[in-house]
Amino acid sequence: MTNFLILLQEPQVSTPAERYLLIYMIGVLVVVTTLVILFFIVFQKRKNKLLIDKMKQQQAFEEELSNAQTEIQEQTLKNIGWELHDNVGQLLAAASMQLNILKPQIGEEVKDNFAEASETVKASLKEVRMLSRSLNNEVILNIGFEQSITNELNRLKRMKFASAELLVKGEVIPFKNKKHEIIIFRILQEFFSNAVKYSHAKSLSVTLNYLEDTLNIIATDDGKGFDMETVVKGSGLLNMTSRAALINTAYHLTSKVDEGTQLELTYPFTFEE
């Protein structure tokens, strides 16, 4: 029995052929494992590249779509501006001329009413012409960004608000990309339009703060405001958001019930390059 146990404890000596076979199998296992790992790494890289390419294509498609929508909207606004100026404006101008022709024939009893009607037609003609200019991007580019905002605020002041003011800080930096200038102006117009329709505000204010690399814009109204958590985002709010994203502009809209609404835009001039 003792001799049997000694034989069991003695290590079995393998032959050289067995050792070579073991080394060969280990080598094959290492190679296969390495190939599997390399295949997995390459697969993941290709998968990530495909996902990134897909995201870039989707982003490019959305950007092209936004550009197309913006161009269509701009062309539509331009056409409306032309119609207002050429058709409605001409009709009001003709009505004003006819009233002036009839003025000497009006009796004293209706003279005051006639004069009021005549002034209303003249004021309407002026408003139509101002509105037509604000809808035409060529006019906006011609008169400049700040003057376009001033004209729009003046028009709104005559129409609804007790005060509507523009404050410019810093040294004015012209837009290199004029399309961006139009887009920012349209965002502000949308904010003004919402203030007219919903805010019941008495005053509007816009501050343009020109910094070294950015333009910071703050537009506020003192209206009734709204609850940011429950408000339904209509086309106006969505248009402002998408237009801002199109030109890499930080967009921040805040509002509280009975505390008015504020829009803040931060436009990077470096994005134009």
Protein backbone atom coordinates (compact mmCIF):
# COMPACT_ATOMS: atom_id res chain seq x y z
CA MET A 1 0.00 0.00 0.00
CA THR A 2 2.80 2.42 0.86
CA ASN A 3 4.50 1.79 -2.46
CA PHE A 4 1.19 2.41 -4.25
CA LEU A 5 0.74 5.83 -2.57
CA ILE A 6 4.31 6.78 -3.46
CA LEU A 7 3.59 5.95 -7.08
CA LEU A 8 0.46 8.13 -7.04
CA GLN A 9 2.32 11.13 -5.61
CA GLU A 10 5.08 10.98 -8.19
CA PRO A 11 4.47 13.55 -11.01
CA GLN A 12 3.75 12.18 -14.41
CA VAL A 13 6.49 13.18 -16.82
CA SER A 14 5.04 14.31 -20.13
CA THR A 15 6.75 13.75 -23.39
CA PRO A 16 8.14 16.59 -25.55
CA ALA A 17 5.38 16.00 -28.06
CA GLU A 18 2.73 16.53 -25.40
CA ARG A 19 4.43 19.72 -24.22
CA TYR A 20 4.58 21.05 -27.80
CA LEU A 21 0.93 20.17 -28.27
CA LEU A 22 0.01 21.99 -25.05
CA ILE A 23 2.01 25.06 -26.10
CA TYR A 24 0.43 24.92 -29.55
CA MET A 25 -3.09 24.76 -28.09
CA ILE A 26 -2.36 27.66 -25.73
CA GLY A 27 -0.99 29.67 -28.66
CA VAL A 28 -4.05 28.92 -30.76
CA LEU A 29 -6.29 29.93 -27.85
CA VAL A 30 -4.40 33.20 -27.40
CA VAL A 31 -4.59 33.96 -31.13
CA VAL A 32 -8.32 33.16 -31.31
CA THR A 33 -9.01 35.25 -28.19
CA THR A 34 -7.00 38.15 -29.62
CA LEU A 35 -8.85 37.92 -32.93
CA VAL A 36 -12.20 37.89 -31.14
CA ILE A 37 -11.22 40.93 -29.09
CA LEU A 38 -9.94 42.74 -32.21
CA PHE A 39 -13.09 41.82 -34.10
CA PHE A 40 -15.23 43.15 -31.24
CA ILE A 41 -13.22 46.40 -31.07
CA VAL A 42 -13.44 46.90 -34.86
CA PHE A 43 -17.15 46.07 -34.80
CA GLN A 44 -17.80 48.58 -32.01
CA LYS A 45 -15.80 51.26 -33.82
CA ARG A 46 -17.70 50.68 -37.04
CA LYS A 47 -20.98 50.62 -35.15
CA ASN A 48 -20.13 53.90 -33.38
CA LYS A 49 -19.02 55.44 -36.68
CA LEU A 50 -22.27 54.43 -38.34
CA LEU A 51 -24.25 55.88 -35.44
CA ILE A 52 -22.26 59.13 -35.57
CA ASP A 53 -22.69 59.34 -39.36
CA LYS A 54 -26.41 58.72 -38.97
CA MET A 55 -26.65 61.45 -36.32
CA LYS A 56 -24.70 63.84 -38.55
CA GLN A 57 -26.94 63.05 -41.50
CA GLN A 58 -30.04 63.56 -39.37
CA GLN A 59 -28.65 66.84 -38.05
CA ALA A 60 -27.75 67.97 -41.57
CA PHE A 61 -31.22 67.00 -42.79
CA GLU A 62 -32.91 68.89 -39.95
CA GLU A 63 -30.69 71.91 -40.61
CA GLU A 64 -31.52 71.84 -44.32
CA LEU A 65 -35.19 71.48 -43.48
CA SER A 66 -35.03 74.43 -41.07
CA ASN A 67 -33.18 76.48 -43.67
CA ALA A 68 -35.79 75.63 -46.28
CA GLN A 69 -38.63 76.50 -43.90
CA THR A 70 -36.94 79.78 -42.99
CA GLU A 71 -36.43 80.69 -46.63
CA ILE A 72 -40.05 79.84 -47.43
CA GLN A 73 -41.25 81.92 -44.49
CA GLU A 74 -39.04 84.83 -45.51
CA GLN A 75 -40.31 84.68 -49.08
CA THR A 76 -43.90 84.52 -47.82
CA LEU A 77 -43.35 87.52 -45.56
CA LYS A 78 -41.71 89.41 -48.42
CA ASN A 79 -44.69 88.66 -50.68
CA ILE A 80 -47.11 89.82 -47.98
CA GLY A 81 -45.04 92.97 -47.57
CA TRP A 82 -45.20 93.66 -51.29
CA GLU A 83 -48.95 93.06 -51.32
CA LEU A 84 -49.46 95.43 -48.40
CA HIS A 85 -47.32 98.12 -49.99
CA ASP A 86 -48.45 97.79 -53.59
CA ASN A 87 -52.11 96.88 -53.20
CA VAL A 88 -53.46 97.82 -49.77
CA GLY A 89 -51.12 100.82 -49.58
CA GLN A 90 -52.22 102.05 -53.00
CA LEU A 91 -55.89 101.67 -52.08
CA LEU A 92 -55.43 103.66 -48.89
CA ALA A 93 -53.43 106.30 -50.75
CA ALA A 94 -56.24 106.61 -53.30
CA ALA A 95 -58.82 106.85 -50.50
CA SER A 96 -56.79 109.61 -48.85
CA MET A 97 -56.59 111.55 -52.13
CA GLN A 98 -60.35 111.23 -52.68
CA LEU A 99 -61.04 112.47 -49.18
CA ASN A 100 -58.82 115.48 -49.83
CA ILE A 101 -60.75 116.19 -53.05
CA LEU A 102 -64.07 115.95 -51.21
CA LYS A 103 -62.93 118.06 -48.27
CA PRO A 104 -64.03 121.47 -49.70
CA GLN A 105 -67.52 120.08 -50.36
CA ILE A 106 -68.13 118.94 -46.80
CA GLY A 107 -70.55 120.92 -44.68
CA GLU A 108 -69.70 122.26 -41.26
CA GLU A 109 -71.97 119.78 -39.50
CA VAL A 110 -69.83 116.79 -40.52
CA LYS A 111 -66.50 118.55 -40.90
CA ASP A 112 -65.05 117.18 -37.66
CA ASN A 113 -66.11 113.61 -38.43
CA PHE A 114 -64.73 113.93 -41.94
CA ALA A 115 -61.41 115.21 -40.63
CA GLU A 116 -61.22 112.31 -38.17
CA ALA A 117 -61.93 109.79 -40.93
CA SER A 118 -59.29 111.40 -43.13
CA GLU A 119 -56.67 111.21 -40.35
CA THR A 120 -57.58 107.56 -39.72
CA VAL A 121 -56.99 106.72 -43.37
CA LYS A 122 -53.64 108.54 -43.33
CA ALA A 123 -52.59 106.78 -40.13
CA SER A 124 -53.64 103.42 -41.59
CA LEU A 125 -51.60 104.11 -44.72
CA LYS A 126 -48.57 104.92 -42.59
CA GLU A 127 -48.99 101.75 -40.52
CA VAL A 128 -49.39 99.57 -43.61
CA ARG A 129 -46.21 100.99 -45.10
CA MET A 130 -44.31 100.49 -41.83
CA LEU A 131 -45.58 96.92 -41.56
CA SER A 132 -44.71 96.14 -45.17
CA ARG A 133 -41.14 97.32 -44.56
CA SER A 134 -40.79 95.18 -41.42
CA LEU A 135 -41.84 92.09 -43.40
CA ASN A 136 -39.34 92.62 -46.21
CA ASN A 137 -35.88 91.32 -45.35
CA GLU A 138 -34.25 93.47 -48.03
CA VAL A 139 -35.57 96.61 -46.34
CA ILE A 140 -34.37 95.35 -42.94
CA LEU A 141 -30.87 94.76 -44.28
CA ASN A 142 -30.89 98.14 -45.96
CA ILE A 143 -31.81 100.20 -42.90
CA GLY A 144 -29.86 98.08 -40.41
CA PHE A 145 -30.56 95.82 -37.45
CA GLU A 146 -30.90 98.44 -34.71
CA GLN A 147 -33.04 100.79 -36.82
CA SER A 148 -35.33 97.91 -37.82
CA ILE A 149 -35.93 97.08 -34.15
CA THR A 150 -36.51 100.77 -33.38
CA ASN A 151 -39.05 101.06 -36.23
CA GLU A 152 -40.86 97.95 -35.03
CA LEU A 153 -41.00 99.21 -31.45
CA ASN A 154 -42.25 102.61 -32.61
CA ARG A 155 -44.98 100.93 -34.65
CA LEU A 156 -46.05 98.84 -31.66
CA LYS A 157 -45.95 101.87 -29.39
CA ARG A 158 -48.37 103.73 -31.64
CA MET A 159 -50.59 100.67 -31.86
CA LYS A 160 -50.73 99.35 -28.30
CA PHE A 161 -47.99 100.09 -25.78
CA ALA A 162 -47.41 103.08 -23.54
CA SER A 163 -43.66 102.67 -24.00
CA ALA A 164 -41.45 100.54 -26.25
CA GLU A 165 -37.76 101.33 -26.03
CA LEU A 166 -34.45 100.06 -27.40
CA LEU A 167 -31.19 100.35 -25.43
CA VAL A 168 -27.87 99.65 -27.14
CA LYS A 169 -24.75 98.94 -25.04
CA GLY A 170 -21.18 98.55 -26.21
CA GLU A 171 -19.70 99.17 -29.63
CA VAL A 172 -21.99 97.95 -32.40
CA ILE A 173 -20.56 94.99 -34.33
CA PRO A 174 -22.11 94.46 -37.79
CA PHE A 175 -23.31 90.99 -38.70
CA LYS A 176 -21.06 89.24 -41.20
CA ASN A 177 -23.82 86.78 -42.05
CA LYS A 178 -26.85 88.87 -42.97
CA LYS A 179 -29.13 85.83 -42.85
CA HIS A 180 -28.40 85.56 -39.12
CA GLU A 181 -29.38 89.21 -38.70
CA ILE A 182 -32.77 88.52 -40.27
CA ILE A 183 -33.32 85.39 -38.17
CA ILE A 184 -32.67 87.23 -34.89
CA PHE A 185 -34.96 90.05 -35.97
CA ARG A 186 -37.72 87.52 -36.74
CA ILE A 187 -37.29 85.95 -33.29
CA LEU A 188 -37.78 89.37 -31.72
CA GLN A 189 -40.79 90.01 -33.96
CA GLU A 190 -42.32 86.75 -32.75
CA PHE A 191 -41.76 87.83 -29.14
CA PHE A 192 -43.39 91.20 -29.88
CA SER A 193 -46.31 89.48 -31.59
CA ASN A 194 -46.92 87.26 -28.56
CA ALA A 195 -46.75 90.32 -26.31
CA VAL A 196 -49.39 92.05 -28.44
CA LYS A 197 -51.72 89.03 -28.55
CA TYR A 198 -51.42 87.56 -25.07
CA SER A 199 -49.49 89.62 -22.56
CA HIS A 200 -51.77 92.64 -21.91
CA ALA A 201 -48.50 94.48 -21.35
CA LYS A 202 -48.13 98.24 -21.23
CA SER A 203 -44.46 98.43 -22.08
CA LEU A 204 -41.79 96.64 -24.08
CA SER A 205 -38.04 96.98 -23.84
CA VAL A 206 -35.13 95.55 -25.80
CA THR A 207 -31.47 95.72 -24.76
CA LEU A 208 -28.66 94.94 -27.21
CA ASN A 209 -25.38 94.38 -25.39
CA TYR A 210 -22.47 94.09 -27.81
CA LEU A 211 -19.58 92.21 -26.21
CA GLU A 212 -16.26 91.18 -27.75
CA ASP A 213 -17.41 87.83 -29.15
CA THR A 214 -21.16 87.77 -28.53
CA LEU A 215 -24.31 89.79 -28.81
CA ASN A 216 -26.56 89.48 -25.77
CA ILE A 217 -30.20 90.45 -26.35
CA ILE A 218 -32.81 90.82 -23.63
CA ALA A 219 -36.42 91.59 -24.53
CA THR A 220 -39.02 92.02 -21.80
CA ASP A 221 -42.67 92.93 -21.36
CA ASP A 222 -44.54 93.81 -18.18
CA GLY A 223 -47.62 91.77 -19.02
CA LYS A 224 -49.55 89.09 -17.17
CA GLY A 225 -46.97 86.40 -17.93
CA PHE A 226 -47.72 82.68 -17.87
CA ASP A 227 -46.84 79.44 -16.08
CA MET A 228 -43.84 77.85 -17.84
CA GLU A 229 -44.84 74.39 -16.59
CA THR A 230 -48.36 74.37 -18.00
CA VAL A 231 -48.19 76.59 -21.08
CA VAL A 232 -48.88 74.87 -24.39
CA LYS A 233 -46.04 75.58 -26.81
CA GLY A 234 -47.64 76.91 -29.96
CA SER A 235 -46.04 77.57 -33.32
CA GLY A 236 -44.73 80.96 -32.16
CA LEU A 237 -42.64 79.58 -29.30
CA LEU A 238 -41.47 76.64 -31.41
CA ASN A 239 -40.47 78.98 -34.24
CA MET A 240 -38.34 81.05 -31.88
CA THR A 241 -36.63 77.95 -30.50
CA SER A 242 -35.89 76.41 -33.89
CA ARG A 243 -34.67 79.68 -35.40
CA ALA A 244 -32.29 80.23 -32.48
CA ALA A 245 -30.91 76.68 -32.78
CA LEU A 246 -30.37 77.20 -36.50
CA ILE A 247 -27.78 79.92 -35.85
CA ASN A 248 -26.26 78.38 -32.70
CA THR A 249 -27.83 81.05 -30.49
CA ALA A 250 -28.52 80.37 -26.82
CA TYR A 251 -32.24 80.82 -26.23
CA HIS A 252 -33.82 81.33 -22.83
CA LEU A 253 -37.44 82.33 -22.27
CA THR A 254 -38.71 82.94 -18.75
CA SER A 255 -42.11 84.01 -17.47
CA LYS A 256 -44.10 84.08 -14.26
CA VAL A 257 -47.76 84.78 -13.75
CA ASP A 258 -48.30 88.53 -13.14
CA GLU A 259 -44.56 89.21 -13.55
CA GLY A 260 -44.20 89.52 -17.32
CA THR A 261 -42.03 87.64 -19.79
CA GLN A 262 -38.36 87.87 -20.69
CA LEU A 263 -36.49 86.55 -23.70
CA GLU A 264 -32.70 86.29 -23.64
CA LEU A 265 -30.61 85.48 -26.71
CA THR A 266 -26.83 85.07 -26.84
CA TYR A 267 -25.49 85.11 -30.36
CA PRO A 268 -21.82 84.16 -30.94
CA PHE A 269 -20.18 86.26 -33.64
CA THR A 270 -17.57 83.50 -34.04
CA PHE A 271 -20.33 81.28 -35.51
CA GLU A 272 -20.39 83.52 -38.57
CA GLU A 273 -16.87 82.58 -39.61
